[in-house]
Amino acid sequence: MSMTRFRGVDPVWVEGTTERPANETGLACIYEAGRVLDAGWARDTAAVLEWINSIWEPGAVLAIDAPLVVHKPTGMRLCEWEAGSR
């Protein structure tokens, strides 16, 4: 019997520039019973997607802890724009 895997992504608030790397996005994957399968960090969108795809399976659940609308002088982060556009 397989158990459902739950993945969680907590995106960064500061994206990288040529002068400094982006903050790290938090990643976690647990079974429905609560056992942690994987947890860590990624620095860019490609790395986050690679992590999600590496442990994806049918019936899995993905939760993203990020606001969909952000009103601030500097505008939305890329991850917020991408989530909102989908």
PDB file of N, CA and C in Angstrom:
ATOM      1  N   MET A   1       0.844  -1.182   0.000  1.00  0.00           N
ATOM      2  CA  MET A   1       0.000   0.000   0.000  1.00  0.00           C
ATOM      3  C   MET A   1       0.893   1.251   0.000  1.00  0.00           C
ATOM      4  N   SER A   2       0.640   2.145  -0.924  1.00  0.00           N
ATOM      5  CA  SER A   2       1.442   3.366  -0.947  1.00  0.00           C
ATOM      6  C   SER A   2       0.756   4.461  -0.143  1.00  0.00           C
ATOM      7  N   MET A   3       1.565   5.313   0.440  1.00  0.00           N
ATOM      8  CA  MET A   3       1.045   6.437   1.203  1.00  0.00           C
ATOM      9  C   MET A   3       1.220   7.714   0.396  1.00  0.00           C
ATOM     10  N   THR A   4       0.328   8.656   0.620  1.00  0.00           N
ATOM     11  CA  THR A   4       0.396   9.941  -0.069  1.00  0.00           C
ATOM     12  C   THR A   4       1.616  10.722   0.408  1.00  0.00           C
ATOM     13  N   ARG A   5       2.289  11.333  -0.532  1.00  0.00           N
ATOM     14  CA  ARG A   5       3.398  12.221  -0.216  1.00  0.00           C
ATOM     15  C   ARG A   5       2.895  13.660  -0.294  1.00  0.00           C
ATOM     16  N   PHE A   6       3.272  14.441   0.689  1.00  0.00           N
ATOM     17  CA  PHE A   6       2.952  15.867   0.728  1.00  0.00           C
ATOM     18  C   PHE A   6       4.246  16.646   0.578  1.00  0.00           C
ATOM     19  N   ARG A   7       4.267  17.563  -0.377  1.00  0.00           N
ATOM     20  CA  ARG A   7       5.445  18.411  -0.588  1.00  0.00           C
ATOM     21  C   ARG A   7       5.084  19.839  -0.215  1.00  0.00           C
ATOM     22  N   GLY A   8       6.029  20.509   0.406  1.00  0.00           N
ATOM     23  CA  GLY A   8       5.823  21.898   0.766  1.00  0.00           C
ATOM     24  C   GLY A   8       6.953  22.756   0.235  1.00  0.00           C
ATOM     25  N   VAL A   9       6.602  23.913  -0.295  1.00  0.00           N
ATOM     26  CA  VAL A   9       7.583  24.862  -0.830  1.00  0.00           C
ATOM     27  C   VAL A   9       7.314  26.221  -0.197  1.00  0.00           C
ATOM     28  N   ASP A  10       8.342  26.812   0.390  1.00  0.00           N
ATOM     29  CA  ASP A  10       8.237  28.147   0.986  1.00  0.00           C
ATOM     30  C   ASP A  10       9.202  29.056   0.223  1.00  0.00           C
ATOM     31  N   PRO A  11       8.707  29.786  -0.800  1.00  0.00           N
ATOM     32  CA  PRO A  11       9.578  30.583  -1.672  1.00  0.00           C
ATOM     33  C   PRO A  11      10.322  31.706  -0.939  1.00  0.00           C
ATOM     34  N   VAL A  12      11.429  32.085  -1.526  1.00  0.00           N
ATOM     35  CA  VAL A  12      12.271  33.149  -0.985  1.00  0.00           C
ATOM     36  C   VAL A  12      11.610  34.506  -1.158  1.00  0.00           C
ATOM     37  N   TRP A  13      12.038  35.463  -0.355  1.00  0.00           N
ATOM     38  CA  TRP A  13      11.575  36.847  -0.511  1.00  0.00           C
ATOM     39  C   TRP A  13      12.555  37.694  -1.293  1.00  0.00           C
ATOM     40  N   VAL A  14      13.774  37.231  -1.440  1.00  0.00           N
ATOM     41  CA  VAL A  14      14.779  38.020  -2.160  1.00  0.00           C
ATOM     42  C   VAL A  14      15.350  37.184  -3.287  1.00  0.00           C
ATOM     43  N   GLU A  15      15.146  37.647  -4.512  1.00  0.00           N
ATOM     44  CA  GLU A  15      15.700  36.957  -5.663  1.00  0.00           C
ATOM     45  C   GLU A  15      17.155  37.349  -5.845  1.00  0.00           C
ATOM     46  N   GLY A  16      17.899  36.527  -6.531  1.00  0.00           N
ATOM     47  CA  GLY A  16      19.317  36.769  -6.740  1.00  0.00           C
ATOM     48  C   GLY A  16      19.594  37.859  -7.753  1.00  0.00           C
ATOM     49  N   THR A  17      20.800  38.367  -7.672  1.00  0.00           N
ATOM     50  CA  THR A  17      21.300  39.332  -8.643  1.00  0.00           C
ATOM     51  C   THR A  17      22.683  38.852  -9.079  1.00  0.00           C
ATOM     52  N   THR A  18      23.295  39.570  -9.994  1.00  0.00           N
ATOM     53  CA  THR A  18      24.644  39.197 -10.400  1.00  0.00           C
ATOM     54  C   THR A  18      25.642  39.412  -9.270  1.00  0.00           C
ATOM     55  N   GLU A  19      25.288  40.298  -8.315  1.00  0.00           N
ATOM     56  CA  GLU A  19      26.198  40.590  -7.203  1.00  0.00           C
ATOM     57  C   GLU A  19      26.043  39.633  -6.017  1.00  0.00           C
ATOM     58  N   ARG A  20      24.848  39.061  -5.855  1.00  0.00           N
ATOM     59  CA  ARG A  20      24.647  38.154  -4.718  1.00  0.00           C
ATOM     60  C   ARG A  20      23.605  37.099  -5.068  1.00  0.00           C
ATOM     61  N   PRO A  21      23.767  35.898  -4.524  1.00  0.00           N
ATOM     62  CA  PRO A  21      22.806  34.831  -4.827  1.00  0.00           C
ATOM     63  C   PRO A  21      21.464  35.074  -4.156  1.00  0.00           C
ATOM     64  N   ALA A  22      20.450  34.417  -4.663  1.00  0.00           N
ATOM     65  CA  ALA A  22      19.108  34.507  -4.078  1.00  0.00           C
ATOM     66  C   ALA A  22      19.101  33.855  -2.703  1.00  0.00           C
ATOM     67  N   ASN A  23      18.144  34.281  -1.879  1.00  0.00           N
ATOM     68  CA  ASN A  23      17.907  33.569  -0.621  1.00  0.00           C
ATOM     69  C   ASN A  23      17.446  32.153  -0.966  1.00  0.00           C
ATOM     70  N   GLU A  24      17.442  31.288   0.022  1.00  0.00           N
ATOM     71  CA  GLU A  24      17.070  29.905  -0.224  1.00  0.00           C
ATOM     72  C   GLU A  24      15.567  29.675  -0.011  1.00  0.00           C
ATOM     73  N   THR A  25      14.983  28.886  -0.887  1.00  0.00           N
ATOM     74  CA  THR A  25      13.596  28.452  -0.766  1.00  0.00           C
ATOM     75  C   THR A  25      13.582  27.177   0.065  1.00  0.00           C
ATOM     76  N   GLY A  26      12.679  27.115   1.039  1.00  0.00           N
ATOM     77  CA  GLY A  26      12.566  25.925   1.873  1.00  0.00           C
ATOM     78  C   GLY A  26      11.736  24.850   1.190  1.00  0.00           C
ATOM     79  N   LEU A  27      12.182  23.594   1.324  1.00  0.00           N
ATOM     80  CA  LEU A  27      11.519  22.455   0.696  1.00  0.00           C
ATOM     81  C   LEU A  27      11.345  21.341   1.721  1.00  0.00           C
ATOM     82  N   ALA A  28      10.203  20.669   1.687  1.00  0.00           N
ATOM     83  CA  ALA A  28       9.995  19.524   2.575  1.00  0.00           C
ATOM     84  C   ALA A  28       9.041  18.547   1.915  1.00  0.00           C
ATOM     85  N   CYS A  29       9.245  17.266   2.201  1.00  0.00           N
ATOM     86  CA  CYS A  29       8.361  16.216   1.712  1.00  0.00           C
ATOM     87  C   CYS A  29       8.131  15.236   2.853  1.00  0.00           C
ATOM     88  N   ILE A  30       6.855  14.949   3.137  1.00  0.00           N
ATOM     89  CA  ILE A  30       6.520  14.006   4.202  1.00  0.00           C
ATOM     90  C   ILE A  30       5.471  13.010   3.698  1.00  0.00           C
ATOM     91  N   TYR A  31       5.453  11.830   4.326  1.00  0.00           N
ATOM     92  CA  TYR A  31       4.353  10.887   4.114  1.00  0.00           C
ATOM     93  C   TYR A  31       3.175  11.343   4.940  1.00  0.00           C
ATOM     94  N   GLU A  32       1.981  10.864   4.587  1.00  0.00           N
ATOM     95  CA  GLU A  32       0.763  11.247   5.299  1.00  0.00           C
ATOM     96  C   GLU A  32       0.833  10.916   6.782  1.00  0.00           C
ATOM     97  N   ALA A  33       1.625   9.922   7.177  1.00  0.00           N
ATOM     98  CA  ALA A  33       1.764   9.562   8.593  1.00  0.00           C
ATOM     99  C   ALA A  33       2.688  10.528   9.333  1.00  0.00           C
ATOM    100  N   GLY A  34       3.335  11.446   8.591  1.00  0.00           N
ATOM    101  CA  GLY A  34       4.173  12.459   9.215  1.00  0.00           C
ATOM    102  C   GLY A  34       5.671  12.223   9.125  1.00  0.00           C
ATOM    103  N   ARG A  35       6.089  11.092   8.580  1.00  0.00           N
ATOM    104  CA  ARG A  35       7.530  10.821   8.472  1.00  0.00           C
ATOM    105  C   ARG A  35       8.145  11.713   7.397  1.00  0.00           C
ATOM    106  N   VAL A  36       9.229  12.397   7.747  1.00  0.00           N
ATOM    107  CA  VAL A  36       9.923  13.284   6.805  1.00  0.00           C
ATOM    108  C   VAL A  36      10.735  12.435   5.833  1.00  0.00           C
ATOM    109  N   LEU A  37      10.472  12.619   4.549  1.00  0.00           N
ATOM    110  CA  LEU A  37      11.213  11.914   3.506  1.00  0.00           C
ATOM    111  C   LEU A  37      12.389  12.726   3.018  1.00  0.00           C
ATOM    112  N   ASP A  38      12.195  14.030   2.950  1.00  0.00           N
ATOM    113  CA  ASP A  38      13.245  14.908   2.437  1.00  0.00           C
ATOM    114  C   ASP A  38      12.965  16.328   2.909  1.00  0.00           C
ATOM    115  N   ALA A  39      14.003  17.066   3.167  1.00  0.00           N
ATOM    116  CA  ALA A  39      13.886  18.483   3.521  1.00  0.00           C
ATOM    117  C   ALA A  39      15.181  19.164   3.134  1.00  0.00           C
ATOM    118  N   GLY A  40      15.066  20.395   2.693  1.00  0.00           N
ATOM    119  CA  GLY A  40      16.275  21.103   2.298  1.00  0.00           C
ATOM    120  C   GLY A  40      15.966  22.475   1.742  1.00  0.00           C
ATOM    121  N   TRP A  41      16.882  22.923   0.888  1.00  0.00           N
ATOM    122  CA  TRP A  41      16.834  24.284   0.367  1.00  0.00           C
ATOM    123  C   TRP A  41      17.194  24.287  -1.106  1.00  0.00           C
ATOM    124  N   ALA A  42      16.698  25.284  -1.828  1.00  0.00           N
ATOM    125  CA  ALA A  42      17.065  25.496  -3.230  1.00  0.00           C
ATOM    126  C   ALA A  42      17.179  26.996  -3.463  1.00  0.00           C
ATOM    127  N   ARG A  43      18.024  27.388  -4.391  1.00  0.00           N
ATOM    128  CA  ARG A  43      18.273  28.814  -4.611  1.00  0.00           C
ATOM    129  C   ARG A  43      17.565  29.420  -5.812  1.00  0.00           C
ATOM    130  N   ASP A  44      17.048  28.610  -6.735  1.00  0.00           N
ATOM    131  CA  ASP A  44      16.381  29.206  -7.897  1.00  0.00           C
ATOM    132  C   ASP A  44      15.209  28.341  -8.345  1.00  0.00           C
ATOM    133  N   THR A  45      14.411  28.888  -9.244  1.00  0.00           N
ATOM    134  CA  THR A  45      13.202  28.208  -9.708  1.00  0.00           C
ATOM    135  C   THR A  45      13.524  26.851 -10.321  1.00  0.00           C
ATOM    136  N   ALA A  46      14.570  26.778 -11.130  1.00  0.00           N
ATOM    137  CA  ALA A  46      14.937  25.510 -11.771  1.00  0.00           C
ATOM    138  C   ALA A  46      15.252  24.439 -10.736  1.00  0.00           C
ATOM    139  N   ALA A  47      15.958  24.797  -9.683  1.00  0.00           N
ATOM    140  CA  ALA A  47      16.302  23.833  -8.630  1.00  0.00           C
ATOM    141  C   ALA A  47      15.057  23.382  -7.867  1.00  0.00           C
ATOM    142  N   VAL A  48      14.124  24.301  -7.625  1.00  0.00           N
ATOM    143  CA  VAL A  48      12.874  23.946  -6.941  1.00  0.00           C
ATOM    144  C   VAL A  48      12.078  22.966  -7.804  1.00  0.00           C
ATOM    145  N   LEU A  49      11.932  23.259  -9.090  1.00  0.00           N
ATOM    146  CA  LEU A  49      11.193  22.374  -9.991  1.00  0.00           C
ATOM    147  C   LEU A  49      11.871  21.014 -10.110  1.00  0.00           C
ATOM    148  N   GLU A  50      13.177  20.998 -10.148  1.00  0.00           N
ATOM    149  CA  GLU A  50      13.919  19.732 -10.203  1.00  0.00           C
ATOM    150  C   GLU A  50      13.626  18.892  -8.957  1.00  0.00           C
ATOM    151  N   TRP A  51      13.622  19.532  -7.785  1.00  0.00           N
ATOM    152  CA  TRP A  51      13.334  18.816  -6.539  1.00  0.00           C
ATOM    153  C   TRP A  51      11.911  18.262  -6.561  1.00  0.00           C
ATOM    154  N   ILE A  52      10.936  19.083  -6.957  1.00  0.00           N
ATOM    155  CA  ILE A  52       9.543  18.628  -7.017  1.00  0.00           C
ATOM    156  C   ILE A  52       9.427  17.429  -7.954  1.00  0.00           C
ATOM    157  N   ASN A  53      10.002  17.534  -9.134  1.00  0.00           N
ATOM    158  CA  ASN A  53       9.902  16.456 -10.125  1.00  0.00           C
ATOM    159  C   ASN A  53      10.637  15.190  -9.696  1.00  0.00           C
ATOM    160  N   SER A  54      11.681  15.320  -8.902  1.00  0.00           N
ATOM    161  CA  SER A  54      12.480  14.153  -8.514  1.00  0.00           C
ATOM    162  C   SER A  54      11.732  13.212  -7.585  1.00  0.00           C
ATOM    163  N   ILE A  55      10.728  13.693  -6.885  1.00  0.00           N
ATOM    164  CA  ILE A  55      10.005  12.841  -5.949  1.00  0.00           C
ATOM    165  C   ILE A  55       8.504  12.877  -6.200  1.00  0.00           C
ATOM    166  N   TRP A  56       8.113  13.257  -7.428  1.00  0.00           N
ATOM    167  CA  TRP A  56       6.688  13.345  -7.753  1.00  0.00           C
ATOM    168  C   TRP A  56       6.131  11.972  -8.055  1.00  0.00           C
ATOM    169  N   GLU A  57       4.853  11.778  -7.748  1.00  0.00           N
ATOM    170  CA  GLU A  57       4.133  10.548  -8.071  1.00  0.00           C
ATOM    171  C   GLU A  57       2.648  10.877  -8.179  1.00  0.00           C
ATOM    172  N   PRO A  58       1.872  10.019  -8.856  1.00  0.00           N
ATOM    173  CA  PRO A  58       0.425  10.258  -8.952  1.00  0.00           C
ATOM    174  C   PRO A  58      -0.214  10.333  -7.562  1.00  0.00           C
ATOM    175  N   GLY A  59      -1.111  11.299  -7.371  1.00  0.00           N
ATOM    176  CA  GLY A  59      -1.803  11.447  -6.098  1.00  0.00           C
ATOM    177  C   GLY A  59      -1.071  12.283  -5.071  1.00  0.00           C
ATOM    178  N   ALA A  60       0.107  12.736  -5.402  1.00  0.00           N
ATOM    179  CA  ALA A  60       0.874  13.562  -4.465  1.00  0.00           C
ATOM    180  C   ALA A  60       0.215  14.926  -4.299  1.00  0.00           C
ATOM    181  N   VAL A  61       0.527  15.598  -3.193  1.00  0.00           N
ATOM    182  CA  VAL A  61      -0.031  16.910  -2.888  1.00  0.00           C
ATOM    183  C   VAL A  61       1.115  17.901  -2.779  1.00  0.00           C
ATOM    184  N   LEU A  62       0.971  19.065  -3.402  1.00  0.00           N
ATOM    185  CA  LEU A  62       1.983  20.115  -3.337  1.00  0.00           C
ATOM    186  C   LEU A  62       1.362  21.363  -2.740  1.00  0.00           C
ATOM    187  N   ALA A  63       1.968  21.897  -1.686  1.00  0.00           N
ATOM    188  CA  ALA A  63       1.506  23.133  -1.059  1.00  0.00           C
ATOM    189  C   ALA A  63       2.611  24.180  -1.184  1.00  0.00           C
ATOM    190  N   ILE A  64       2.214  25.384  -1.541  1.00  0.00           N
ATOM    191  CA  ILE A  64       3.176  26.483  -1.668  1.00  0.00           C
ATOM    192  C   ILE A  64       2.757  27.579  -0.701  1.00  0.00           C
ATOM    193  N   ASP A  65       3.660  27.929   0.198  1.00  0.00           N
ATOM    194  CA  ASP A  65       3.389  28.957   1.204  1.00  0.00           C
ATOM    195  C   ASP A  65       3.841  30.308   0.661  1.00  0.00           C
ATOM    196  N   ALA A  66       2.951  30.935  -0.106  1.00  0.00           N
ATOM    197  CA  ALA A  66       3.287  32.233  -0.691  1.00  0.00           C
ATOM    198  C   ALA A  66       2.003  33.009  -0.955  1.00  0.00           C
ATOM    199  N   PRO A  67       2.026  34.310  -0.721  1.00  0.00           N
ATOM    200  CA  PRO A  67       0.854  35.115  -1.044  1.00  0.00           C
ATOM    201  C   PRO A  67       0.680  35.194  -2.559  1.00  0.00           C
ATOM    202  N   LEU A  68      -0.559  35.220  -3.013  1.00  0.00           N
ATOM    203  CA  LEU A  68      -0.809  35.323  -4.445  1.00  0.00           C
ATOM    204  C   LEU A  68      -0.862  36.762  -4.916  1.00  0.00           C
ATOM    205  N   VAL A  69      -1.146  37.676  -4.008  1.00  0.00           N
ATOM    206  CA  VAL A  69      -1.172  39.098  -4.346  1.00  0.00           C
ATOM    207  C   VAL A  69      -0.306  39.835  -3.332  1.00  0.00           C
ATOM    208  N   VAL A  70       0.639  40.586  -3.846  1.00  0.00           N
ATOM    209  CA  VAL A  70       1.547  41.331  -2.972  1.00  0.00           C
ATOM    210  C   VAL A  70       1.527  42.796  -3.408  1.00  0.00           C
ATOM    211  N   HIS A  71       1.191  43.664  -2.487  1.00  0.00           N
ATOM    212  CA  HIS A  71       1.195  45.099  -2.766  1.00  0.00           C
ATOM    213  C   HIS A  71       2.355  45.714  -2.000  1.00  0.00           C
ATOM    214  N   LYS A  72       3.434  45.994  -2.707  1.00  0.00           N
ATOM    215  CA  LYS A  72       4.592  46.634  -2.087  1.00  0.00           C
ATOM    216  C   LYS A  72       5.294  47.473  -3.151  1.00  0.00           C
ATOM    217  N   PRO A  73       6.054  48.456  -2.725  1.00  0.00           N
ATOM    218  CA  PRO A  73       6.670  49.386  -3.684  1.00  0.00           C
ATOM    219  C   PRO A  73       7.544  48.717  -4.735  1.00  0.00           C
ATOM    220  N   THR A  74       8.209  47.626  -4.369  1.00  0.00           N
ATOM    221  CA  THR A  74       9.111  46.974  -5.325  1.00  0.00           C
ATOM    222  C   THR A  74       8.402  45.998  -6.238  1.00  0.00           C
ATOM    223  N   GLY A  75       7.086  45.796  -6.032  1.00  0.00           N
ATOM    224  CA  GLY A  75       6.322  44.896  -6.887  1.00  0.00           C
ATOM    225  C   GLY A  75       6.363  43.459  -6.420  1.00  0.00           C
ATOM    226  N   MET A  76       5.896  42.578  -7.291  1.00  0.00           N
ATOM    227  CA  MET A  76       5.826  41.161  -6.951  1.00  0.00           C
ATOM    228  C   MET A  76       7.156  40.472  -7.239  1.00  0.00           C
ATOM    229  N   ARG A  77       7.425  39.413  -6.455  1.00  0.00           N
ATOM    230  CA  ARG A  77       8.576  38.557  -6.744  1.00  0.00           C
ATOM    231  C   ARG A  77       8.228  37.699  -7.955  1.00  0.00           C
ATOM    232  N   LEU A  78       9.233  37.190  -8.644  1.00  0.00           N
ATOM    233  CA  LEU A  78       9.009  36.350  -9.809  1.00  0.00           C
ATOM    234  C   LEU A  78       8.133  35.148  -9.455  1.00  0.00           C
ATOM    235  N   CYS A  79       8.386  34.516  -8.316  1.00  0.00           N
ATOM    236  CA  CYS A  79       7.600  33.332  -7.948  1.00  0.00           C
ATOM    237  C   CYS A  79       6.130  33.694  -7.732  1.00  0.00           C
ATOM    238  N   GLU A  80       5.840  34.888  -7.194  1.00  0.00           N
ATOM    239  CA  GLU A  80       4.460  35.323  -6.998  1.00  0.00           C
ATOM    240  C   GLU A  80       3.780  35.602  -8.344  1.00  0.00           C
ATOM    241  N   TRP A  81       4.521  36.216  -9.235  1.00  0.00           N
ATOM    242  CA  TRP A  81       3.989  36.501 -10.560  1.00  0.00           C
ATOM    243  C   TRP A  81       3.676  35.201 -11.288  1.00  0.00           C
ATOM    244  N   GLU A  82       4.596  34.222 -11.212  1.00  0.00           N
ATOM    245  CA  GLU A  82       4.396  32.946 -11.898  1.00  0.00           C
ATOM    246  C   GLU A  82       3.211  32.189 -11.317  1.00  0.00           C
ATOM    247  N   ALA A  83       3.082  32.160  -9.980  1.00  0.00           N
ATOM    248  CA  ALA A  83       1.945  31.476  -9.342  1.00  0.00           C
ATOM    249  C   ALA A  83       0.638  32.156  -9.728  1.00  0.00           C
ATOM    250  N   GLY A  84       0.611  33.477  -9.723  1.00  0.00           N
ATOM    251  CA  GLY A  84      -0.593  34.223 -10.061  1.00  0.00           C
ATOM    252  C   GLY A  84      -0.984  34.077 -11.528  1.00  0.00           C
ATOM    253  N   SER A  85       0.004  33.922 -12.393  1.00  0.00           N
ATOM    254  CA  SER A  85      -0.280  33.820 -13.820  1.00  0.00           C
ATOM    255  C   SER A  85      -0.877  32.460 -14.193  1.00  0.00           C
ATOM    256  N   ARG A  86      -0.691  31.486 -13.296  1.00  0.00           N
ATOM    257  CA  ARG A  86      -1.225  30.148 -13.587  1.00  0.00           C
ATOM    258  C   ARG A  86      -2.581  29.965 -12.980  1.00  0.00           C
TER     259      ARG A  86
END
